[in-house]
N, C-alpha and C. Protein backbone atom coordinates (compact mmCIF):
# COMPACT_ATOMS: atom_id res chain seq x y z
N UNK A 1 -16.02 -4.79 4.66
CA UNK A 1 -16.68 -6.00 4.17
C UNK A 1 -16.27 -7.22 5.00
N UNK A 2 -15.00 -7.31 5.36
CA UNK A 2 -14.56 -8.41 6.21
C UNK A 2 -15.26 -8.37 7.56
N UNK A 3 -15.45 -7.18 8.07
CA UNK A 3 -16.09 -7.03 9.38
C UNK A 3 -17.54 -7.53 9.36
N UNK A 4 -18.18 -7.46 8.19
CA UNK A 4 -19.58 -7.85 8.07
C UNK A 4 -19.77 -9.32 7.66
N UNK A 5 -18.67 -10.02 7.38
CA UNK A 5 -18.79 -11.42 6.95
C UNK A 5 -19.34 -12.29 8.08
N UNK A 6 -20.26 -13.16 7.74
CA UNK A 6 -20.84 -14.07 8.72
C UNK A 6 -20.05 -15.37 8.82
N UNK A 7 -19.43 -15.79 7.73
CA UNK A 7 -18.70 -17.05 7.71
C UNK A 7 -17.31 -16.84 8.31
N UNK A 8 -17.16 -17.20 9.57
CA UNK A 8 -15.94 -16.92 10.31
C UNK A 8 -14.73 -17.65 9.74
N UNK A 9 -14.92 -18.88 9.25
CA UNK A 9 -13.79 -19.63 8.70
C UNK A 9 -13.23 -18.94 7.46
N UNK A 10 -14.13 -18.52 6.57
CA UNK A 10 -13.71 -17.80 5.37
C UNK A 10 -13.08 -16.45 5.74
N UNK A 11 -13.64 -15.81 6.76
CA UNK A 11 -13.12 -14.53 7.23
C UNK A 11 -11.68 -14.68 7.74
N UNK A 12 -11.43 -15.72 8.54
CA UNK A 12 -10.08 -15.94 9.07
C UNK A 12 -9.10 -16.29 7.95
N UNK A 13 -9.55 -17.10 6.98
CA UNK A 13 -8.70 -17.45 5.85
C UNK A 13 -8.32 -16.22 5.04
N UNK A 14 -9.31 -15.37 4.77
CA UNK A 14 -9.05 -14.14 4.01
C UNK A 14 -8.09 -13.23 4.75
N UNK A 15 -8.28 -13.10 6.05
CA UNK A 15 -7.39 -12.25 6.85
C UNK A 15 -5.97 -12.79 6.83
N UNK A 16 -5.81 -14.11 6.92
CA UNK A 16 -4.47 -14.71 6.90
C UNK A 16 -3.77 -14.44 5.57
N UNK A 17 -4.52 -14.60 4.47
CA UNK A 17 -3.95 -14.35 3.13
C UNK A 17 -3.51 -12.90 3.00
N UNK A 18 -4.28 -11.98 3.58
CA UNK A 18 -3.94 -10.56 3.51
C UNK A 18 -2.83 -10.19 4.47
N UNK A 19 -2.80 -10.82 5.65
CA UNK A 19 -1.78 -10.49 6.66
C UNK A 19 -0.39 -10.94 6.24
N UNK A 20 -0.30 -12.15 5.68
CA UNK A 20 0.99 -12.81 5.46
C UNK A 20 2.03 -11.95 4.72
N UNK A 21 1.69 -11.33 3.58
CA UNK A 21 2.73 -10.58 2.85
C UNK A 21 3.34 -9.43 3.64
N UNK A 22 2.57 -8.85 4.57
CA UNK A 22 3.10 -7.71 5.33
C UNK A 22 4.25 -8.14 6.24
N UNK A 23 4.24 -9.39 6.68
CA UNK A 23 5.26 -9.88 7.61
C UNK A 23 6.37 -10.66 6.91
N UNK A 24 6.34 -10.67 5.58
CA UNK A 24 7.40 -11.29 4.80
C UNK A 24 8.35 -10.21 4.31
N UNK A 25 9.64 -10.50 4.30
CA UNK A 25 10.62 -9.50 3.88
C UNK A 25 10.43 -9.12 2.41
N UNK A 26 10.88 -7.93 2.08
CA UNK A 26 10.76 -7.42 0.72
C UNK A 26 11.50 -8.30 -0.28
N UNK A 27 12.63 -8.84 0.14
CA UNK A 27 13.41 -9.70 -0.75
C UNK A 27 12.63 -10.96 -1.13
N UNK A 28 11.94 -11.54 -0.15
CA UNK A 28 11.14 -12.74 -0.42
C UNK A 28 9.96 -12.39 -1.32
N UNK A 29 9.32 -11.23 -1.06
CA UNK A 29 8.21 -10.78 -1.90
C UNK A 29 8.67 -10.62 -3.35
N UNK A 30 9.83 -10.00 -3.54
CA UNK A 30 10.35 -9.81 -4.90
C UNK A 30 10.67 -11.14 -5.56
N UNK A 31 11.18 -12.10 -4.78
CA UNK A 31 11.43 -13.43 -5.33
C UNK A 31 10.14 -14.10 -5.77
N UNK A 32 9.08 -13.93 -4.97
CA UNK A 32 7.77 -14.49 -5.33
C UNK A 32 7.22 -13.82 -6.60
N UNK A 33 7.41 -12.50 -6.69
CA UNK A 33 6.95 -11.78 -7.89
C UNK A 33 7.66 -12.29 -9.13
N UNK A 34 8.97 -12.49 -9.02
CA UNK A 34 9.73 -13.01 -10.16
C UNK A 34 9.25 -14.40 -10.57
N UNK A 35 8.90 -15.23 -9.58
CA UNK A 35 8.40 -16.57 -9.89
C UNK A 35 7.02 -16.49 -10.54
N UNK A 36 6.14 -15.64 -9.98
CA UNK A 36 4.79 -15.50 -10.54
C UNK A 36 4.81 -14.97 -11.98
N UNK A 37 5.78 -14.09 -12.27
CA UNK A 37 5.83 -13.44 -13.58
C UNK A 37 6.84 -14.08 -14.53
N UNK A 38 7.39 -15.21 -14.13
CA UNK A 38 8.38 -15.88 -14.97
C UNK A 38 7.76 -16.25 -16.32
N UNK A 39 8.49 -16.02 -17.43
CA UNK A 39 7.94 -16.37 -18.76
C UNK A 39 7.83 -17.88 -18.97
N UNK A 40 8.55 -18.65 -18.18
CA UNK A 40 8.49 -20.11 -18.32
C UNK A 40 7.94 -20.72 -17.02
N UNK A 41 6.66 -20.96 -17.00
CA UNK A 41 6.05 -21.61 -15.83
C UNK A 41 5.52 -20.66 -14.79
N UNK A 42 5.56 -19.36 -15.03
CA UNK A 42 5.03 -18.40 -14.08
C UNK A 42 3.51 -18.47 -14.01
N UNK A 43 2.95 -18.23 -12.81
CA UNK A 43 1.50 -18.36 -12.62
C UNK A 43 0.71 -17.45 -13.56
N UNK A 44 1.16 -16.20 -13.70
CA UNK A 44 0.44 -15.24 -14.54
C UNK A 44 0.43 -15.69 -15.99
N UNK A 45 1.58 -16.15 -16.48
CA UNK A 45 1.66 -16.60 -17.88
C UNK A 45 0.88 -17.90 -18.10
N UNK A 46 0.82 -18.76 -17.09
CA UNK A 46 0.05 -19.99 -17.21
C UNK A 46 -1.44 -19.68 -17.31
N UNK A 47 -1.90 -18.71 -16.50
CA UNK A 47 -3.32 -18.33 -16.54
C UNK A 47 -3.65 -17.64 -17.86
N UNK A 48 -2.76 -16.74 -18.28
CA UNK A 48 -3.02 -15.98 -19.51
C UNK A 48 -2.70 -16.76 -20.78
N UNK A 49 -1.98 -17.87 -20.64
CA UNK A 49 -1.61 -18.66 -21.81
C UNK A 49 -0.56 -17.98 -22.67
N UNK A 50 0.33 -17.22 -22.03
CA UNK A 50 1.38 -16.48 -22.74
C UNK A 50 2.75 -16.86 -22.19
N UNK A 51 3.77 -16.27 -22.75
CA UNK A 51 5.14 -16.48 -22.25
C UNK A 51 5.89 -15.15 -22.28
N UNK A 52 5.28 -14.14 -21.64
CA UNK A 52 5.84 -12.79 -21.64
C UNK A 52 6.69 -12.59 -20.39
N UNK A 53 7.87 -12.01 -20.56
CA UNK A 53 8.71 -11.65 -19.43
C UNK A 53 8.33 -10.24 -19.00
N UNK A 54 7.39 -10.13 -18.07
CA UNK A 54 6.83 -8.84 -17.70
C UNK A 54 7.86 -7.90 -17.09
N UNK A 55 8.87 -8.44 -16.41
CA UNK A 55 9.86 -7.60 -15.76
C UNK A 55 10.81 -6.93 -16.75
N UNK A 56 10.78 -7.34 -18.00
CA UNK A 56 11.58 -6.66 -19.02
C UNK A 56 10.75 -5.65 -19.79
N UNK A 57 9.46 -5.57 -19.48
CA UNK A 57 8.57 -4.62 -20.14
C UNK A 57 8.50 -3.34 -19.31
N UNK A 58 9.05 -2.25 -19.84
CA UNK A 58 9.06 -0.98 -19.10
C UNK A 58 7.65 -0.50 -18.78
N UNK A 59 6.72 -0.74 -19.70
CA UNK A 59 5.34 -0.27 -19.51
C UNK A 59 4.61 -1.05 -18.42
N UNK A 60 5.09 -2.23 -18.09
CA UNK A 60 4.41 -3.07 -17.09
C UNK A 60 4.94 -2.85 -15.68
N UNK A 61 6.06 -2.16 -15.53
CA UNK A 61 6.69 -2.07 -14.21
C UNK A 61 5.82 -1.34 -13.20
N UNK A 62 5.20 -0.22 -13.60
CA UNK A 62 4.37 0.53 -12.66
C UNK A 62 3.23 -0.33 -12.13
N UNK A 63 2.58 -1.06 -13.04
CA UNK A 63 1.47 -1.94 -12.63
C UNK A 63 1.96 -3.01 -11.66
N UNK A 64 3.11 -3.61 -11.96
CA UNK A 64 3.68 -4.64 -11.09
C UNK A 64 4.00 -4.06 -9.72
N UNK A 65 4.61 -2.88 -9.70
CA UNK A 65 5.02 -2.27 -8.44
C UNK A 65 3.81 -1.90 -7.58
N UNK A 66 2.82 -1.26 -8.20
CA UNK A 66 1.64 -0.82 -7.46
C UNK A 66 0.82 -2.00 -6.97
N UNK A 67 0.59 -2.99 -7.84
CA UNK A 67 -0.21 -4.17 -7.46
C UNK A 67 0.46 -4.94 -6.33
N UNK A 68 1.77 -5.13 -6.43
CA UNK A 68 2.49 -5.86 -5.37
C UNK A 68 2.51 -5.05 -4.07
N UNK A 69 2.55 -3.71 -4.19
CA UNK A 69 2.51 -2.85 -3.00
C UNK A 69 1.18 -2.95 -2.28
N UNK A 70 0.10 -2.99 -3.05
CA UNK A 70 -1.24 -3.15 -2.45
C UNK A 70 -1.32 -4.50 -1.75
N UNK A 71 -0.83 -5.54 -2.43
CA UNK A 71 -0.84 -6.89 -1.85
C UNK A 71 -0.01 -6.96 -0.57
N UNK A 72 1.13 -6.27 -0.57
CA UNK A 72 2.04 -6.33 0.57
C UNK A 72 1.53 -5.51 1.76
N UNK A 73 0.87 -4.38 1.49
CA UNK A 73 0.47 -3.47 2.57
C UNK A 73 -0.99 -3.62 3.00
N UNK A 74 -1.76 -4.39 2.25
CA UNK A 74 -3.19 -4.53 2.59
C UNK A 74 -3.37 -5.15 3.98
N UNK A 75 -2.48 -6.05 4.36
CA UNK A 75 -2.58 -6.71 5.66
C UNK A 75 -2.53 -5.74 6.82
N UNK A 76 -1.61 -4.77 6.73
CA UNK A 76 -1.50 -3.77 7.80
C UNK A 76 -2.76 -2.92 7.87
N UNK A 77 -3.29 -2.55 6.72
CA UNK A 77 -4.53 -1.78 6.70
C UNK A 77 -5.68 -2.56 7.32
N UNK A 78 -5.75 -3.85 7.00
CA UNK A 78 -6.81 -4.69 7.57
C UNK A 78 -6.70 -4.75 9.10
N UNK A 79 -5.48 -4.89 9.60
CA UNK A 79 -5.27 -4.95 11.06
C UNK A 79 -5.74 -3.66 11.72
N UNK A 80 -5.35 -2.52 11.16
CA UNK A 80 -5.70 -1.22 11.74
C UNK A 80 -7.21 -0.99 11.71
N UNK A 81 -7.82 -1.24 10.55
CA UNK A 81 -9.25 -0.96 10.40
C UNK A 81 -10.11 -1.95 11.19
N UNK A 82 -9.71 -3.21 11.21
CA UNK A 82 -10.46 -4.20 11.99
C UNK A 82 -10.37 -3.90 13.48
N UNK A 83 -9.21 -3.44 13.94
CA UNK A 83 -9.06 -3.07 15.35
C UNK A 83 -9.95 -1.88 15.69
N UNK A 84 -10.07 -0.94 14.76
CA UNK A 84 -10.94 0.22 14.98
C UNK A 84 -12.40 -0.20 15.04
N UNK A 85 -12.80 -1.09 14.13
CA UNK A 85 -14.20 -1.54 14.08
C UNK A 85 -14.55 -2.44 15.27
N UNK A 86 -13.54 -3.04 15.89
CA UNK A 86 -13.81 -3.89 17.06
C UNK A 86 -14.35 -3.07 18.24
N UNK A 87 -14.08 -1.76 18.23
CA UNK A 87 -14.54 -0.89 19.31
C UNK A 87 -15.90 -0.26 19.04
N UNK A 88 -16.50 -0.57 17.90
CA UNK A 88 -17.81 -0.02 17.58
C UNK A 88 -18.88 -0.70 18.43
N UNK A 89 -19.78 0.07 18.97
CA UNK A 89 -20.86 -0.45 19.80
C UNK A 89 -21.73 -1.41 18.99
N UNK A 90 -21.84 -2.65 19.44
CA UNK A 90 -22.61 -3.66 18.70
C UNK A 90 -24.10 -3.33 18.64
N UNK A 91 -24.57 -2.50 19.57
CA UNK A 91 -25.99 -2.13 19.56
C UNK A 91 -26.34 -1.34 18.30
N UNK A 92 -25.35 -0.66 17.72
CA UNK A 92 -25.59 0.07 16.48
C UNK A 92 -25.94 -0.89 15.35
N UNK A 93 -25.20 -2.01 15.27
CA UNK A 93 -25.48 -3.01 14.24
C UNK A 93 -26.83 -3.68 14.47
N UNK A 94 -27.13 -3.96 15.75
CA UNK A 94 -28.40 -4.61 16.08
C UNK A 94 -29.58 -3.70 15.73
N UNK A 95 -29.44 -2.42 16.05
CA UNK A 95 -30.51 -1.47 15.74
C UNK A 95 -30.68 -1.32 14.23
N UNK A 96 -29.55 -1.34 13.51
CA UNK A 96 -29.61 -1.23 12.04
C UNK A 96 -30.30 -2.45 11.43
N UNK A 97 -30.02 -3.65 11.97
CA UNK A 97 -30.66 -4.86 11.47
C UNK A 97 -32.16 -4.83 11.74
N UNK A 98 -32.54 -4.35 12.95
CA UNK A 98 -33.96 -4.25 13.29
C UNK A 98 -34.67 -3.30 12.33
N UNK A 99 -33.98 -2.23 11.95
CA UNK A 99 -34.56 -1.24 11.03
C UNK A 99 -34.55 -1.73 9.58
N UNK A 100 -33.97 -2.90 9.35
CA UNK A 100 -33.97 -3.47 8.00
C UNK A 100 -32.82 -3.02 7.13
N UNK A 101 -31.74 -2.54 7.74
CA UNK A 101 -30.58 -2.08 6.96
C UNK A 101 -29.84 -3.28 6.37
N UNK A 102 -29.46 -3.16 5.10
CA UNK A 102 -28.69 -4.22 4.45
C UNK A 102 -27.22 -4.14 4.88
N UNK A 103 -26.44 -5.13 4.48
CA UNK A 103 -25.02 -5.13 4.83
C UNK A 103 -24.33 -3.89 4.25
N UNK A 104 -24.65 -3.55 3.02
CA UNK A 104 -24.05 -2.38 2.39
C UNK A 104 -24.42 -1.10 3.14
N UNK A 105 -25.66 -1.00 3.59
CA UNK A 105 -26.10 0.18 4.34
C UNK A 105 -25.41 0.26 5.70
N UNK A 106 -25.17 -0.90 6.33
CA UNK A 106 -24.46 -0.90 7.62
C UNK A 106 -23.01 -0.45 7.43
N UNK A 107 -22.40 -0.89 6.34
CA UNK A 107 -21.03 -0.45 6.04
C UNK A 107 -21.00 1.05 5.78
N UNK A 108 -21.97 1.54 5.01
CA UNK A 108 -22.00 2.94 4.59
C UNK A 108 -22.30 3.89 5.75
N UNK A 109 -23.21 3.50 6.63
CA UNK A 109 -23.69 4.42 7.66
C UNK A 109 -23.11 4.17 9.06
N UNK A 110 -22.45 3.01 9.26
CA UNK A 110 -21.86 2.74 10.58
C UNK A 110 -20.34 2.60 10.47
N UNK A 111 -19.88 1.67 9.61
CA UNK A 111 -18.45 1.38 9.54
C UNK A 111 -17.62 2.54 9.01
N UNK A 112 -18.03 3.09 7.87
CA UNK A 112 -17.23 4.16 7.25
C UNK A 112 -17.15 5.41 8.13
N UNK A 113 -18.25 5.89 8.74
CA UNK A 113 -18.12 7.03 9.65
C UNK A 113 -17.19 6.76 10.83
N UNK A 114 -17.21 5.52 11.34
CA UNK A 114 -16.32 5.16 12.45
C UNK A 114 -14.86 5.13 12.02
N UNK A 115 -14.63 4.85 10.74
CA UNK A 115 -13.26 4.73 10.23
C UNK A 115 -12.70 6.04 9.70
N UNK A 116 -13.51 7.09 9.66
CA UNK A 116 -13.08 8.34 9.03
C UNK A 116 -11.81 8.90 9.66
N UNK A 117 -11.76 8.93 10.98
CA UNK A 117 -10.59 9.51 11.67
C UNK A 117 -9.31 8.75 11.36
N UNK A 118 -9.38 7.41 11.41
CA UNK A 118 -8.17 6.62 11.14
C UNK A 118 -7.80 6.69 9.66
N UNK A 119 -8.80 6.87 8.80
CA UNK A 119 -8.50 7.03 7.36
C UNK A 119 -7.74 8.33 7.11
N UNK A 120 -8.16 9.39 7.77
CA UNK A 120 -7.48 10.68 7.62
C UNK A 120 -6.06 10.59 8.18
N UNK A 121 -5.92 9.92 9.32
CA UNK A 121 -4.59 9.75 9.93
C UNK A 121 -3.67 8.96 9.00
N UNK A 122 -4.19 7.89 8.41
CA UNK A 122 -3.38 7.10 7.47
C UNK A 122 -3.02 7.91 6.23
N UNK A 123 -3.94 8.78 5.79
CA UNK A 123 -3.65 9.65 4.65
C UNK A 123 -2.48 10.57 4.95
N UNK A 124 -2.49 11.15 6.15
CA UNK A 124 -1.40 12.05 6.55
C UNK A 124 -0.07 11.30 6.61
N UNK A 125 -0.09 10.12 7.22
CA UNK A 125 1.14 9.33 7.34
C UNK A 125 1.66 8.89 5.98
N UNK A 126 0.75 8.54 5.08
CA UNK A 126 1.17 8.12 3.74
C UNK A 126 1.72 9.29 2.94
N UNK A 127 1.10 10.47 3.11
CA UNK A 127 1.56 11.65 2.37
C UNK A 127 2.97 12.04 2.76
N UNK A 128 3.33 11.80 4.03
CA UNK A 128 4.67 12.14 4.49
C UNK A 128 5.76 11.35 3.80
N UNK A 129 5.42 10.16 3.31
CA UNK A 129 6.40 9.34 2.61
C UNK A 129 6.09 9.15 1.14
N UNK A 130 5.34 10.10 0.59
CA UNK A 130 4.90 9.97 -0.80
C UNK A 130 6.07 9.92 -1.78
N UNK A 131 7.10 10.70 -1.50
CA UNK A 131 8.24 10.74 -2.41
C UNK A 131 9.17 9.54 -2.22
N UNK A 132 9.03 8.83 -1.10
CA UNK A 132 9.87 7.67 -0.84
C UNK A 132 9.12 6.40 -1.24
N UNK A 133 9.11 6.12 -2.53
CA UNK A 133 8.34 4.98 -3.01
C UNK A 133 9.01 3.65 -2.69
N UNK A 134 10.18 3.70 -2.10
CA UNK A 134 10.83 2.46 -1.70
C UNK A 134 12.05 2.15 -2.53
N UNK A 135 13.14 1.82 -1.85
CA UNK A 135 14.39 1.50 -2.54
C UNK A 135 14.52 0.01 -2.81
N UNK A 136 14.23 -0.81 -1.78
CA UNK A 136 14.54 -2.23 -1.87
C UNK A 136 13.81 -2.93 -3.02
N UNK A 137 12.50 -2.73 -3.09
CA UNK A 137 11.72 -3.45 -4.10
C UNK A 137 12.08 -3.00 -5.51
N UNK A 138 12.26 -1.69 -5.69
CA UNK A 138 12.64 -1.18 -7.01
C UNK A 138 14.01 -1.72 -7.40
N UNK A 139 14.94 -1.72 -6.47
CA UNK A 139 16.30 -2.18 -6.75
C UNK A 139 16.32 -3.67 -7.10
N UNK A 140 15.49 -4.45 -6.42
CA UNK A 140 15.47 -5.90 -6.65
C UNK A 140 14.73 -6.29 -7.93
N UNK A 141 13.77 -5.46 -8.36
CA UNK A 141 12.99 -5.77 -9.55
C UNK A 141 13.50 -5.04 -10.80
N UNK A 142 14.43 -4.12 -10.62
CA UNK A 142 14.89 -3.31 -11.74
C UNK A 142 15.79 -4.11 -12.67
N UNK A 143 15.59 -3.92 -13.97
CA UNK A 143 16.45 -4.50 -14.99
C UNK A 143 16.83 -3.39 -15.97
N UNK A 144 17.78 -3.67 -16.83
CA UNK A 144 18.20 -2.66 -17.81
C UNK A 144 17.06 -2.31 -18.77
N UNK A 145 16.14 -3.26 -18.99
CA UNK A 145 15.07 -3.04 -19.95
C UNK A 145 13.89 -2.26 -19.37
N UNK A 146 13.71 -2.32 -18.05
CA UNK A 146 12.60 -1.55 -17.45
C UNK A 146 13.08 -0.31 -16.71
N UNK A 147 14.35 0.01 -16.85
CA UNK A 147 14.95 1.13 -16.12
C UNK A 147 14.29 2.47 -16.46
N UNK A 148 13.73 2.59 -17.65
CA UNK A 148 13.11 3.85 -18.07
C UNK A 148 11.96 4.25 -17.15
N UNK A 149 11.24 3.27 -16.61
CA UNK A 149 10.11 3.56 -15.73
C UNK A 149 10.37 3.18 -14.28
N UNK A 150 11.38 2.35 -14.03
CA UNK A 150 11.63 1.88 -12.66
C UNK A 150 12.61 2.75 -11.89
N UNK A 151 13.26 3.67 -12.55
CA UNK A 151 14.23 4.53 -11.86
C UNK A 151 13.51 5.52 -10.97
N UNK A 152 13.79 5.50 -9.67
CA UNK A 152 13.18 6.42 -8.71
C UNK A 152 14.28 7.18 -7.98
N UNK A 153 13.88 8.17 -7.20
CA UNK A 153 14.85 9.05 -6.55
C UNK A 153 15.78 8.27 -5.62
N UNK A 154 15.21 7.33 -4.84
CA UNK A 154 16.04 6.58 -3.89
C UNK A 154 17.13 5.78 -4.60
N UNK A 155 16.79 5.15 -5.71
CA UNK A 155 17.77 4.39 -6.48
C UNK A 155 18.79 5.33 -7.11
N UNK A 156 18.32 6.47 -7.60
CA UNK A 156 19.21 7.46 -8.21
C UNK A 156 20.23 7.98 -7.20
N UNK A 157 19.75 8.26 -5.97
CA UNK A 157 20.65 8.73 -4.92
C UNK A 157 21.69 7.67 -4.60
N UNK A 158 21.29 6.40 -4.52
CA UNK A 158 22.22 5.30 -4.25
C UNK A 158 23.27 5.19 -5.35
N UNK A 159 22.82 5.25 -6.59
CA UNK A 159 23.75 5.11 -7.71
C UNK A 159 24.75 6.26 -7.77
N UNK A 160 24.25 7.49 -7.55
CA UNK A 160 25.14 8.64 -7.60
C UNK A 160 26.09 8.68 -6.40
N UNK A 161 25.57 8.34 -5.22
CA UNK A 161 26.39 8.44 -4.01
C UNK A 161 27.32 7.27 -3.81
N UNK A 162 26.83 6.04 -3.98
CA UNK A 162 27.64 4.86 -3.69
C UNK A 162 28.42 4.40 -4.91
N UNK A 163 27.75 4.29 -6.05
CA UNK A 163 28.42 3.75 -7.24
C UNK A 163 29.31 4.78 -7.91
N UNK A 164 28.85 6.03 -8.00
CA UNK A 164 29.62 7.07 -8.68
C UNK A 164 30.41 7.97 -7.74
N UNK A 165 30.26 7.74 -6.43
CA UNK A 165 31.00 8.49 -5.40
C UNK A 165 30.76 10.00 -5.45
N UNK A 166 29.57 10.42 -5.89
CA UNK A 166 29.19 11.83 -5.88
C UNK A 166 28.42 12.12 -4.59
N UNK A 167 29.16 12.17 -3.50
CA UNK A 167 28.52 12.23 -2.19
C UNK A 167 27.76 13.52 -1.95
N UNK A 168 28.35 14.64 -2.31
CA UNK A 168 27.69 15.92 -2.06
C UNK A 168 26.44 16.08 -2.92
N UNK A 169 26.53 15.63 -4.18
CA UNK A 169 25.38 15.73 -5.08
C UNK A 169 24.23 14.84 -4.62
N UNK A 170 24.55 13.59 -4.26
CA UNK A 170 23.51 12.67 -3.81
C UNK A 170 22.89 13.13 -2.50
N UNK A 171 23.68 13.75 -1.63
CA UNK A 171 23.15 14.29 -0.38
C UNK A 171 22.18 15.43 -0.65
N UNK A 172 22.52 16.27 -1.62
CA UNK A 172 21.64 17.39 -1.97
C UNK A 172 20.31 16.90 -2.54
N UNK A 173 20.38 15.87 -3.39
CA UNK A 173 19.16 15.30 -3.95
C UNK A 173 18.29 14.69 -2.85
N UNK A 174 18.92 13.96 -1.94
CA UNK A 174 18.19 13.36 -0.82
C UNK A 174 17.57 14.41 0.08
N UNK A 175 18.29 15.52 0.32
CA UNK A 175 17.77 16.60 1.15
C UNK A 175 16.59 17.28 0.48
N UNK A 176 16.67 17.49 -0.82
CA UNK A 176 15.55 18.08 -1.57
C UNK A 176 14.33 17.18 -1.49
N UNK A 177 14.54 15.87 -1.61
CA UNK A 177 13.45 14.90 -1.51
C UNK A 177 12.76 14.99 -0.15
N UNK A 178 13.55 15.13 0.90
CA UNK A 178 13.01 15.26 2.26
C UNK A 178 12.21 16.56 2.41
N UNK A 179 12.73 17.64 1.83
CA UNK A 179 12.04 18.93 1.91
C UNK A 179 10.67 18.87 1.22
N UNK A 180 10.60 18.20 0.07
CA UNK A 180 9.32 18.05 -0.63
C UNK A 180 8.36 17.23 0.20
N UNK A 181 8.87 16.18 0.87
CA UNK A 181 8.03 15.36 1.74
C UNK A 181 7.42 16.18 2.87
N UNK A 182 8.22 17.06 3.46
CA UNK A 182 7.75 17.90 4.57
C UNK A 182 6.64 18.83 4.08
N UNK A 183 6.84 19.45 2.92
CA UNK A 183 5.84 20.36 2.36
C UNK A 183 4.53 19.60 2.10
N UNK A 184 4.64 18.41 1.50
CA UNK A 184 3.45 17.60 1.23
C UNK A 184 2.73 17.24 2.53
N UNK A 185 3.51 16.89 3.55
CA UNK A 185 2.91 16.52 4.84
C UNK A 185 2.14 17.69 5.44
N UNK A 186 2.70 18.89 5.38
CA UNK A 186 2.04 20.07 5.93
C UNK A 186 0.76 20.39 5.16
N UNK A 187 0.84 20.32 3.82
CA UNK A 187 -0.33 20.63 2.98
C UNK A 187 -1.46 19.64 3.25
N UNK A 188 -1.14 18.34 3.25
CA UNK A 188 -2.17 17.32 3.49
C UNK A 188 -2.75 17.45 4.89
N UNK A 189 -1.90 17.77 5.86
CA UNK A 189 -2.36 17.96 7.24
C UNK A 189 -3.37 19.10 7.33
N UNK A 190 -3.10 20.19 6.63
CA UNK A 190 -4.02 21.33 6.63
C UNK A 190 -5.35 20.96 5.96
N UNK A 191 -5.25 20.28 4.82
CA UNK A 191 -6.47 19.88 4.11
C UNK A 191 -7.29 18.90 4.94
N UNK A 192 -6.61 17.94 5.56
CA UNK A 192 -7.30 16.95 6.39
C UNK A 192 -7.97 17.62 7.58
N UNK A 193 -7.32 18.63 8.14
CA UNK A 193 -7.90 19.34 9.27
C UNK A 193 -9.19 20.06 8.92
N UNK A 194 -9.31 20.47 7.66
CA UNK A 194 -10.52 21.19 7.22
C UNK A 194 -11.66 20.24 6.89
N UNK A 195 -11.32 19.06 6.32
CA UNK A 195 -12.39 18.17 5.89
C UNK A 195 -12.81 17.18 6.97
N UNK A 196 -11.99 17.02 7.98
CA UNK A 196 -12.31 16.06 9.03
C UNK A 196 -13.11 16.73 10.14
N UNK A 197 -14.13 16.08 10.61
CA UNK A 197 -14.95 16.64 11.69
C UNK A 197 -14.27 16.44 13.03
N UNK A 198 -13.45 15.40 13.13
CA UNK A 198 -12.71 15.13 14.37
C UNK A 198 -11.24 15.39 14.10
N UNK A 199 -10.74 16.53 14.52
CA UNK A 199 -9.35 16.91 14.27
C UNK A 199 -8.53 16.90 15.54
N UNK A 200 -8.97 16.18 16.53
CA UNK A 200 -8.29 16.16 17.83
C UNK A 200 -6.91 15.54 17.75
N UNK A 201 -6.69 14.67 16.73
CA UNK A 201 -5.39 13.99 16.62
C UNK A 201 -4.44 14.75 15.72
N UNK A 202 -4.87 15.84 15.07
CA UNK A 202 -4.02 16.55 14.11
C UNK A 202 -3.26 17.66 14.82
């Protein structure tokens, strides 16, 4: 959709808003999240007209983590996909316009087929780290009240190995996590190889 925007100023503004969080450290992002979700003066509570401390709500942690992850990583995705679309032959768009194709049809029949290979590649790369949901952000946003849903393997390994000095046990858990990641990577790679028409990069 960004690639098809005609208003260049709005396009650049949108790209900047999406790019910025990717180049900001996780600690700063978590600080911004805490400010946005603050029960006293937080942006979310001001808009909703409430005074809820969302970070103490165990049921809200997954939504907070996933939404902030999309916000933080969308910029990198935009960079990769826009760079891919920059190499698309412009004559394809011109021919589509002459044939009366709408913006949605140009996205569906030109942009998406051109992006298929990089989408499959990103899927494979993401699957390899599926079990590593991230230590820093979870650790910085975790509280005693949301621990029931915010506890992940990386934090558990840290607590057992560093805080409880169970080095052999934490190493075994970390090794098992890596083994599961490898299996997932192989499975997704095989599936992607079957569904992708261009498997030259696999």
